[in-house]
Amino acid sequence: MKNESLLIPIFMGMSYRNIITSGVIDEVEDNYDVTYITFKDSQIDYILRNKNKKVVSFKIGIFQKILRKIFLPLEKLQLYSFYQKHKTKTLDKYIKRDRQLFLFFLYFNLSKILGKFYGKYDFFSSHYPLFLPRKIRSLIALSNYILVLSSDDPIDKAILKTAYNKSTYSTLLIHSWDNLPARGFFSASPNRVLVWNEVMKQQAVELHGISSDSISIIGVPQFFGYKKFADMVDRKFFYETYGLEKGYKVITYTCSASRVFPDEPLFIEYLIDIMRNEDVYIIIRLHPTERISQYISFFSGIEKVIIDEPSGNFAAKVNDKISDSKEDIYKFISLMKYSDVVINLASTISLDAIIFDSPVICIAFNIDSSISKSSWNNAKEWYKSTHYDFIVKSGAISIVTDKKQLYECISRHIENPDFGHKQRCDLSRFFCNYDFNVKHKLVNSLHD
């Protein structure tokens, strides 16, 4: 198959980490003539060329930028139409949020009609290929296969739609567990869809009309990398990397986007305050792109509080902080593997910790009283999401709904690390498919 060409568009730092740094792509490169597509002069472009990979890069021109602005209302319209058709719980809160927008009721009422037609007719996604320069459209037409690493960004949608128009065999990798119920319709039907587990496979069938025979369960690409590197990361590495003294427990809090947890600074202050007299370190793992300088300013220099800033390899967007080094991956693995408790608000971090059997506490309350129970982004709302429902019901995480529960739950997990062990192991095995050889499954799933 080495003479058969395969295109892999790659734009996000997270995609680079999941596919390339993890080694998941190695067998694919051994079996196909791989060419990567990325943005010109981006960090990924620079890294791939330095690694002597075949790369075709491009810039988004003024014309494409204008078109994206013009067609932006269609993105809202297709999302609302998807909601009208499927009423997913993940989208409930965003619909509630958008009711404040000036044109919401026009779009929403129109989507009641269009929801019956979106996904059935090509007309509604015919504009996407215009987002790509001609040379990229031509390249896609000349290739045997294309592996699309995301289904939600307009550029990825444009590439998938172009592949469909040019009859190039397309394989779509769903890069995160919340994408299928939350990002709307696919821009075109891929020939094959790759998912993490049975739950996502069922969502692909029910929400996107994909034939069960066209879906492959391959496991979680980044977890393949974590498992491969885990043996290289011992407790000594963890203590030395974060400057920890022995004899202390470690609580890691991983930060959320501001729209998810608007009063997060107040929560962090409260967490630091209740743990001030305990023999614990608090590691604050910053969000990859938000409130970085604010939190460094607020929380640096506090005794037994450590700030951990992730690289761009953990960001689900294009950025210039992407690195080819595995050091940041090792740091993250050590954080998930050796923290005594990992705290977050309805994040994928829950799964990252669970695969290492680390206790997880999920926050379901707000500190700021102005965030009412009816607010679209009240902390409790995130656990009603379609994709998080299975995790909640599994019992593998501890959900706390007030300050008292938070302290009690931290104490319980520190005193009894095995609490919830069976549920975490069950979830890791069934939902995360931690034992899957993703590298092998990927290369065997690229076409029928």
Protein backbone atom coordinates (compact mmCIF):
# COMPACT_ATOMS: atom_id res chain seq x y z
CA MET A 1 0.00 0.00 0.00
CA LYS A 2 3.04 2.27 0.27
CA ASN A 3 2.37 3.56 -3.24
CA GLU A 4 -1.13 4.68 -2.24
CA SER A 5 -1.37 8.30 -1.19
CA LEU A 6 -2.89 9.43 2.09
CA LEU A 7 -3.50 13.04 3.11
CA ILE A 8 -3.64 14.02 6.76
CA PRO A 9 -4.76 17.60 7.51
CA ILE A 10 -3.42 18.65 10.93
CA PHE A 11 -3.92 22.06 12.49
CA MET A 12 -4.45 21.82 16.27
CA GLY A 13 -1.83 21.26 18.93
CA MET A 14 -4.01 18.55 20.44
CA SER A 15 -4.12 16.69 17.13
CA TYR A 16 -0.33 16.80 16.90
CA ARG A 17 -0.04 15.36 20.41
CA ASN A 18 -2.70 12.69 19.88
CA ILE A 19 -1.53 11.44 16.50
CA ILE A 20 2.16 12.21 16.03
CA THR A 21 3.74 12.57 19.48
CA SER A 22 1.86 9.48 20.67
CA GLY A 23 3.30 7.39 17.82
CA VAL A 24 -0.19 6.37 16.71
CA ILE A 25 0.64 7.41 13.16
CA ASP A 26 3.82 5.30 12.85
CA GLU A 27 2.28 2.23 11.19
CA VAL A 28 0.23 4.45 8.89
CA GLU A 29 3.41 6.14 7.65
CA ASP A 30 4.98 2.72 7.11
CA ASN A 31 2.08 1.62 4.90
CA TYR A 32 1.07 4.76 2.99
CA ASP A 33 2.67 7.62 1.12
CA VAL A 34 1.61 10.24 3.67
CA THR A 35 1.40 13.98 2.99
CA TYR A 36 0.41 16.35 5.78
CA ILE A 37 -1.66 19.47 5.15
CA THR A 38 -1.30 22.38 7.56
CA PHE A 39 -1.20 26.16 7.78
CA LYS A 40 1.82 27.83 6.21
CA ASP A 41 4.45 29.12 8.67
CA SER A 42 2.61 27.57 11.62
CA GLN A 43 4.53 25.78 14.36
CA ILE A 44 3.24 22.44 13.06
CA ASP A 45 4.46 23.32 9.56
CA TYR A 46 7.91 24.09 10.97
CA ILE A 47 8.09 20.91 13.09
CA LEU A 48 6.90 18.56 10.36
CA ARG A 49 9.38 19.95 7.83
CA ASN A 50 12.20 19.60 10.37
CA LYS A 51 11.21 15.94 10.75
CA ASN A 52 11.46 15.55 6.94
CA LYS A 53 7.76 14.82 6.53
CA LYS A 54 6.00 15.55 3.25
CA VAL A 55 4.04 18.74 3.87
CA VAL A 56 1.78 20.94 1.80
CA SER A 57 0.95 24.15 3.62
CA PHE A 58 -1.35 27.03 2.80
CA LYS A 59 -2.53 30.37 4.09
CA ILE A 60 -6.14 31.39 4.56
CA GLY A 61 -6.51 34.23 2.07
CA ILE A 62 -8.57 37.39 2.42
CA PHE A 63 -11.22 35.90 0.15
CA GLN A 64 -11.58 32.81 2.35
CA LYS A 65 -11.69 34.93 5.51
CA ILE A 66 -14.47 37.08 4.08
CA LEU A 67 -16.41 34.00 3.01
CA ARG A 68 -16.16 32.50 6.49
CA LYS A 69 -17.58 35.72 7.95
CA ILE A 70 -20.39 35.75 5.41
CA PHE A 71 -21.34 32.14 6.04
CA LEU A 72 -21.00 32.34 9.83
CA PRO A 73 -24.80 32.56 10.29
CA LEU A 74 -25.08 29.22 8.48
CA GLU A 75 -22.95 27.61 11.19
CA LYS A 76 -25.47 28.73 13.80
CA LEU A 77 -28.34 27.65 11.60
CA GLN A 78 -26.97 24.14 11.03
CA LEU A 79 -26.25 23.75 14.78
CA TYR A 80 -29.78 24.81 15.70
CA SER A 81 -31.18 22.50 13.01
CA PHE A 82 -29.17 19.62 14.49
CA TYR A 83 -30.63 20.48 17.89
CA GLN A 84 -34.17 20.61 16.52
CA LYS A 85 -33.70 17.14 15.09
CA HIS A 86 -31.97 15.45 18.04
CA LYS A 87 -32.46 17.63 21.17
CA THR A 88 -29.15 16.49 22.67
CA LYS A 89 -28.61 17.42 26.30
CA THR A 90 -25.13 18.69 25.53
CA LEU A 91 -26.64 21.42 23.35
CA ASP A 92 -29.48 22.31 25.73
CA LYS A 93 -27.39 24.79 27.69
CA TYR A 94 -25.96 26.48 24.59
CA ILE A 95 -29.46 26.99 23.21
CA LYS A 96 -30.38 28.52 26.56
CA ARG A 97 -27.34 30.81 26.36
CA ASP A 98 -28.04 31.88 22.78
CA ARG A 99 -31.57 33.04 23.58
CA GLN A 100 -29.96 36.36 24.52
CA LEU A 101 -28.69 36.89 20.96
CA PHE A 102 -30.47 39.43 18.76
CA LEU A 103 -31.23 37.06 15.86
CA PHE A 104 -31.78 33.93 17.93
CA PHE A 105 -35.52 33.59 17.42
CA LEU A 106 -35.23 34.14 13.68
CA TYR A 107 -32.56 31.45 13.34
CA PHE A 108 -34.20 29.10 15.82
CA ASN A 109 -37.62 29.21 14.19
CA LEU A 110 -36.09 28.81 10.74
CA SER A 111 -34.13 25.82 12.01
CA LYS A 112 -37.39 24.08 12.94
CA ILE A 113 -38.02 23.79 9.21
CA LEU A 114 -34.44 23.24 8.07
CA GLY A 115 -33.84 20.54 10.69
CA LYS A 116 -35.88 18.21 8.49
CA PHE A 117 -33.60 18.78 5.51
CA TYR A 118 -30.08 19.29 6.90
CA GLY A 119 -28.03 16.16 6.54
CA LYS A 120 -30.16 14.98 3.63
CA TYR A 121 -29.24 17.49 0.94
CA ASP A 122 -25.78 18.59 -0.19
CA PHE A 123 -26.96 22.15 -0.76
CA PHE A 124 -26.60 23.10 2.91
CA SER A 125 -22.87 22.35 2.98
CA SER A 126 -21.97 23.33 -0.58
CA HIS A 127 -20.14 26.49 0.56
CA TYR A 128 -17.45 24.71 2.60
CA PRO A 129 -14.98 23.93 -0.24
CA LEU A 130 -14.77 27.67 -0.93
CA PHE A 131 -12.87 28.00 2.35
CA LEU A 132 -9.92 26.16 0.79
CA PRO A 133 -7.44 27.42 -1.81
CA ARG A 134 -7.57 25.73 -5.20
CA LYS A 135 -4.26 23.89 -4.72
CA ILE A 136 -5.62 22.07 -1.66
CA ARG A 137 -8.83 21.10 -3.43
CA SER A 138 -6.76 19.77 -6.34
CA LEU A 139 -4.47 17.83 -3.99
CA ILE A 140 -7.46 16.17 -2.35
CA ALA A 141 -8.83 15.19 -5.76
CA LEU A 142 -5.55 13.48 -6.69
CA SER A 143 -5.17 11.48 -3.47
CA ASN A 144 -6.34 7.92 -2.83
CA TYR A 145 -7.31 8.50 0.79
CA ILE A 146 -7.67 11.25 3.35
CA LEU A 147 -7.71 11.00 7.15
CA VAL A 148 -9.58 13.95 8.70
CA LEU A 149 -8.70 14.46 12.37
CA SER A 150 -11.64 16.59 13.46
CA SER A 151 -15.27 17.08 12.51
CA ASP A 152 -16.08 20.48 13.97
CA ASP A 153 -13.71 23.19 12.70
CA PRO A 154 -14.83 24.90 9.46
CA ILE A 155 -11.51 24.02 7.78
CA ASP A 156 -11.94 20.33 8.63
CA LYS A 157 -15.52 20.53 7.40
CA ALA A 158 -14.27 22.09 4.17
CA ILE A 159 -11.74 19.29 3.68
CA LEU A 160 -14.30 16.55 4.36
CA LYS A 161 -16.79 18.15 1.97
CA THR A 162 -14.14 18.54 -0.74
CA ALA A 163 -13.14 14.88 -0.38
CA TYR A 164 -16.79 13.93 -0.80
CA ASN A 165 -17.15 16.10 -3.92
CA LYS A 166 -13.94 14.71 -5.45
CA SER A 167 -14.80 11.07 -4.58
CA THR A 168 -11.67 10.73 -2.47
CA TYR A 169 -12.06 8.02 0.16
CA SER A 170 -12.39 9.80 3.51
CA THR A 171 -11.89 8.49 7.03
CA LEU A 172 -13.06 10.76 9.83
CA LEU A 173 -11.53 10.45 13.30
CA ILE A 174 -13.79 11.87 16.01
CA HIS A 175 -11.16 13.57 18.11
CA SER A 176 -13.16 14.06 21.32
CA TRP A 177 -16.03 12.38 23.12
CA ASP A 178 -18.30 15.45 23.12
CA ASN A 179 -18.12 16.10 19.36
CA LEU A 180 -20.88 13.81 18.09
CA PRO A 181 -23.74 15.22 20.20
CA ALA A 182 -22.51 18.83 20.26
CA ARG A 183 -20.99 20.01 16.96
CA GLY A 184 -23.89 19.63 14.58
CA PHE A 185 -24.10 17.77 11.27
CA PHE A 186 -21.09 16.49 9.37
CA SER A 187 -20.38 18.56 6.27
CA ALA A 188 -20.52 15.34 4.24
CA SER A 189 -20.81 11.61 4.84
CA PRO A 190 -17.34 10.10 5.32
CA ASN A 191 -16.64 6.62 4.00
CA ARG A 192 -15.49 5.50 7.44
CA VAL A 193 -15.75 6.93 10.96
CA LEU A 194 -13.32 6.13 13.80
CA VAL A 195 -14.50 6.39 17.40
CA TRP A 196 -13.24 5.63 20.89
CA ASN A 197 -15.86 3.18 22.12
CA GLU A 198 -19.31 1.60 21.80
CA VAL A 199 -21.06 4.65 23.27
CA MET A 200 -19.66 6.93 20.56
CA LYS A 201 -20.40 4.33 17.89
CA GLN A 202 -24.06 4.35 18.91
CA GLN A 203 -24.09 8.16 18.79
CA ALA A 204 -22.61 8.13 15.27
CA VAL A 205 -25.40 5.81 14.16
CA GLU A 206 -28.28 7.58 15.91
CA LEU A 207 -27.23 11.23 15.52
CA HIS A 208 -25.40 11.16 12.18
CA GLY A 209 -26.95 8.28 10.30
CA ILE A 210 -23.66 6.47 9.81
CA SER A 211 -23.98 2.78 9.01
CA SER A 212 -22.71 0.57 11.84
CA ASP A 213 -20.55 -1.30 9.32
CA SER A 214 -18.76 1.95 8.43
CA ILE A 215 -17.65 2.65 12.01
CA SER A 216 -14.48 1.31 13.62
CA ILE A 217 -13.77 1.41 17.35
CA ILE A 218 -10.06 2.10 17.69
CA GLY A 219 -9.70 3.39 21.26
CA VAL A 220 -8.34 6.79 22.36
CA PRO A 221 -5.20 7.93 20.47
CA GLN A 222 -3.75 10.07 23.27
CA PHE A 223 -4.23 7.26 25.80
CA PHE A 224 -2.14 5.00 23.59
CA GLY A 225 0.67 7.53 23.96
CA TYR A 226 0.15 7.90 27.70
CA LYS A 227 0.32 4.14 28.16
CA LYS A 228 3.48 3.91 26.04
CA PHE A 229 5.24 6.65 28.01
CA ALA A 230 3.89 5.82 31.49
CA ASP A 231 6.71 3.42 32.37
CA MET A 232 9.23 6.19 31.72
CA VAL A 233 7.61 8.36 34.38
CA ASP A 234 8.19 7.36 38.01
CA ARG A 235 7.31 9.06 41.28
CA LYS A 236 10.83 10.49 41.57
CA PHE A 237 10.34 12.28 38.23
CA PHE A 238 7.02 13.67 39.50
CA TYR A 239 8.50 15.02 42.75
CA GLU A 240 11.54 16.51 41.05
CA THR A 241 9.56 18.08 38.19
CA TYR A 242 7.16 19.90 40.50
CA GLY A 243 9.62 20.52 43.35
CA LEU A 244 7.63 18.48 45.89
CA GLU A 245 8.79 17.34 49.31
CA LYS A 246 8.05 13.81 50.47
CA GLY A 247 5.41 13.34 53.12
CA TYR A 248 2.85 15.63 51.50
CA LYS A 249 -0.25 14.62 49.59
CA VAL A 250 -0.92 16.21 46.19
CA ILE A 251 -4.22 17.70 45.06
CA THR A 252 -4.34 18.72 41.42
CA TYR A 253 -6.96 21.13 40.18
CA THR A 254 -7.28 21.44 36.40
CA CYS A 255 -8.71 24.71 35.14
CA SER A 256 -11.70 25.21 32.85
CA ALA A 257 -12.58 27.68 30.12
CA SER A 258 -14.19 30.87 31.47
CA ARG A 259 -17.54 30.11 29.81
CA VAL A 260 -17.64 26.76 31.64
CA PHE A 261 -16.63 28.01 35.09
CA PRO A 262 -16.91 31.83 35.24
CA ASP A 263 -16.32 32.00 39.01
CA GLU A 264 -13.36 29.63 38.96
CA PRO A 265 -10.94 32.16 40.57
CA LEU A 266 -13.20 32.19 43.63
CA PHE A 267 -13.23 28.40 43.72
CA ILE A 268 -9.44 28.19 43.54
CA GLU A 269 -9.14 30.73 46.37
CA TYR A 270 -11.55 28.64 48.44
CA LEU A 271 -9.69 25.38 47.70
CA ILE A 272 -6.38 26.95 48.74
CA ASP A 273 -7.97 28.35 51.89
CA ILE A 274 -9.48 25.05 53.15
CA MET A 275 -6.24 23.16 52.47
CA ARG A 276 -3.95 25.83 53.94
CA ASN A 277 -3.32 23.98 57.21
CA GLU A 278 -3.19 20.50 55.70
CA ASP A 279 -0.06 18.60 54.66
CA VAL A 280 -0.86 18.91 50.97
CA TYR A 281 0.40 20.58 47.86
CA ILE A 282 -2.10 22.08 45.44
CA ILE A 283 -1.05 21.99 41.80
CA ILE A 284 -3.09 24.31 39.60
CA ARG A 285 -2.97 23.00 36.05
CA LEU A 286 -3.86 26.01 33.89
CA HIS A 287 -6.21 25.88 30.91
CA PRO A 288 -4.09 25.72 27.72
CA THR A 289 -5.40 29.03 26.33
CA GLU A 290 -7.42 30.96 28.92
CA ARG A 291 -6.78 33.06 32.06
CA ILE A 292 -3.09 32.11 32.04
CA SER A 293 -1.52 35.43 32.97
CA GLN A 294 -4.38 36.19 35.38
CA TYR A 295 -3.85 33.01 37.37
CA ILE A 296 -0.06 33.28 37.35
CA SER A 297 -0.49 36.76 38.82
CA PHE A 298 -3.12 35.68 41.37
CA PHE A 299 -1.73 32.40 42.65
CA SER A 300 2.05 32.44 42.21
CA GLY A 301 4.12 32.67 45.37
CA ILE A 302 1.55 31.07 47.67
CA GLU A 303 3.06 28.45 49.95
CA LYS A 304 2.44 24.86 48.81
CA VAL A 305 0.65 26.08 45.66
CA ILE A 306 2.28 25.24 42.33
CA ILE A 307 1.27 26.62 38.94
CA ASP A 308 1.53 24.21 35.99
CA GLU A 309 1.25 25.78 32.54
CA PRO A 310 0.59 23.29 29.70
CA SER A 311 2.09 23.62 26.25
CA GLY A 312 0.10 24.24 23.09
CA ASN A 313 0.01 20.47 22.52
CA PHE A 314 -2.94 20.39 24.91
CA ALA A 315 -4.95 23.06 23.11
CA ALA A 316 -7.85 22.24 20.79
CA LYS A 317 -6.93 25.15 18.51
CA VAL A 318 -4.15 26.50 16.34
CA ASN A 319 -1.38 28.10 18.41
CA ASP A 320 2.35 28.84 18.41
CA LYS A 321 3.19 27.01 21.64
CA ILE A 322 3.29 23.55 20.08
CA SER A 323 6.43 21.54 20.76
CA ASP A 324 7.88 18.30 19.41
CA SER A 325 9.30 17.53 22.85
CA LYS A 326 7.74 14.74 24.92
CA GLU A 327 8.72 16.43 28.18
CA ASP A 328 5.35 18.15 28.61
CA ILE A 329 3.59 14.84 27.95
CA TYR A 330 5.72 13.17 30.64
CA LYS A 331 4.85 15.95 33.08
CA PHE A 332 1.14 15.54 32.41
CA ILE A 333 1.29 11.76 32.77
CA SER A 334 3.10 12.12 36.11
CA LEU A 335 0.46 14.60 37.27
CA MET A 336 -2.40 12.23 36.44
CA LYS A 337 -0.57 9.13 37.68
CA TYR A 338 0.73 10.36 41.04
CA SER A 339 -1.72 13.02 42.22
CA ASP A 340 -3.67 11.79 45.24
CA VAL A 341 -6.80 13.58 44.04
CA VAL A 342 -7.62 15.23 40.68
CA ILE A 343 -10.34 17.90 40.75
CA ASN A 344 -12.08 19.35 37.70
CA LEU A 345 -15.41 20.57 36.36
CA ALA A 346 -16.86 18.06 33.86
CA SER A 347 -13.63 17.86 31.87
CA THR A 348 -11.95 15.15 29.80
CA ILE A 349 -9.32 15.34 32.55
CA SER A 350 -11.58 12.96 34.47
CA LEU A 351 -10.75 10.25 31.94
CA ASP A 352 -7.05 11.16 31.90
CA ALA A 353 -6.90 10.56 35.66
CA ILE A 354 -9.13 7.47 35.65
CA ILE A 355 -6.89 5.51 33.27
CA PHE A 356 -4.20 5.80 35.96
CA ASP A 357 -6.70 4.86 38.69
CA SER A 358 -6.38 8.27 40.33
CA PRO A 359 -9.41 9.46 42.35
CA VAL A 360 -11.45 12.16 40.60
CA ILE A 361 -13.65 14.81 42.20
CA CYS A 362 -15.96 16.82 39.95
CA ILE A 363 -17.29 20.18 41.09
CA ALA A 364 -21.02 20.79 40.72
CA PHE A 365 -21.47 24.05 42.57
CA ASN A 366 -20.64 27.73 42.14
CA ILE A 367 -19.10 30.11 44.65
CA ASP A 368 -20.51 33.27 43.05
CA SER A 369 -24.12 33.65 44.20
CA SER A 370 -24.96 35.71 41.11
CA ILE A 371 -24.72 32.51 39.05
CA SER A 372 -28.21 31.19 39.69
CA LYS A 373 -29.45 27.62 39.44
CA SER A 374 -31.21 28.64 36.20
CA SER A 375 -28.03 30.05 34.60
CA TRP A 376 -27.05 28.25 31.41
CA ASN A 377 -23.54 27.64 32.76
CA ASN A 378 -24.37 26.79 36.34
CA ALA A 379 -21.80 24.16 37.36
CA LYS A 380 -24.43 21.43 37.76
CA GLU A 381 -25.62 21.86 34.17
CA TRP A 382 -22.44 20.39 32.67
CA TYR A 383 -23.14 16.97 34.16
CA LYS A 384 -26.41 16.73 32.24
CA SER A 385 -24.51 16.70 28.95
CA THR A 386 -25.07 13.75 26.63
CA HIS A 387 -21.40 12.77 26.57
CA TYR A 388 -20.90 13.03 30.35
CA ASP A 389 -23.97 11.01 31.28
CA PHE A 390 -22.20 7.65 31.03
CA ILE A 391 -19.35 8.87 33.25
CA VAL A 392 -21.74 10.15 35.91
CA LYS A 393 -23.68 6.87 35.98
CA SER A 394 -20.49 4.79 36.12
CA GLY A 395 -19.70 5.87 39.68
CA ALA A 396 -16.05 6.35 38.71
CA ILE A 397 -16.08 10.02 39.71
CA SER A 398 -17.22 11.74 42.91
CA ILE A 399 -19.52 14.69 42.21
CA VAL A 400 -19.65 17.31 44.97
CA THR A 401 -22.50 19.81 45.16
CA ASP A 402 -21.36 22.10 48.00
CA LYS A 403 -18.32 23.24 49.97
CA LYS A 404 -18.81 20.76 52.79
CA GLN A 405 -18.95 17.81 50.38
CA LEU A 406 -15.78 19.02 48.69
CA TYR A 407 -13.73 18.92 51.89
CA GLU A 408 -15.23 15.59 52.99
CA CYS A 409 -14.62 14.02 49.59
CA ILE A 410 -10.99 15.17 49.42
CA SER A 411 -10.40 13.74 52.90
CA ARG A 412 -12.08 10.42 52.02
CA HIS A 413 -10.02 9.90 48.88
CA ILE A 414 -6.76 10.81 50.61
CA GLU A 415 -7.49 8.48 53.56
CA ASN A 416 -8.74 5.67 51.30
CA PRO A 417 -7.18 5.84 47.79
CA ASP A 418 -8.93 2.59 46.81
CA PHE A 419 -12.38 4.13 47.19
CA GLY A 420 -13.97 3.86 43.72
CA HIS A 421 -11.13 1.67 42.41
CA LYS A 422 -13.40 -0.92 40.78
CA GLN A 423 -15.56 1.69 39.05
CA ARG A 424 -12.49 3.49 37.70
CA CYS A 425 -11.03 0.25 36.35
CA ASP A 426 -14.34 -0.71 34.73
CA LEU A 427 -14.65 2.68 33.05
CA SER A 428 -11.03 2.63 31.88
CA ARG A 429 -11.56 -0.76 30.30
CA PHE A 430 -14.96 -0.19 28.67
CA PHE A 431 -15.15 3.52 27.87
CA CYS A 432 -11.48 4.41 27.46
CA ASN A 433 -10.39 1.09 25.90
CA TYR A 434 -7.04 1.69 27.55
CA ASP A 435 -5.65 -1.68 26.47
CA PHE A 436 -6.30 -1.11 22.76
CA ASN A 437 -3.36 -1.02 20.35
CA VAL A 438 -4.62 2.16 18.69
CA LYS A 439 -1.68 2.32 16.30
CA HIS A 440 -2.55 -1.08 14.85
CA LYS A 441 -6.29 -0.49 14.83
CA LEU A 442 -5.89 2.85 13.03
CA VAL A 443 -3.89 1.49 10.11
CA ASN A 444 -6.37 -1.37 9.71
CA SER A 445 -9.37 0.98 9.73
CA LEU A 446 -8.40 3.52 7.08
CA HIS A 447 -10.50 1.88 4.42
CA ASP A 448 -12.87 -1.05 3.91
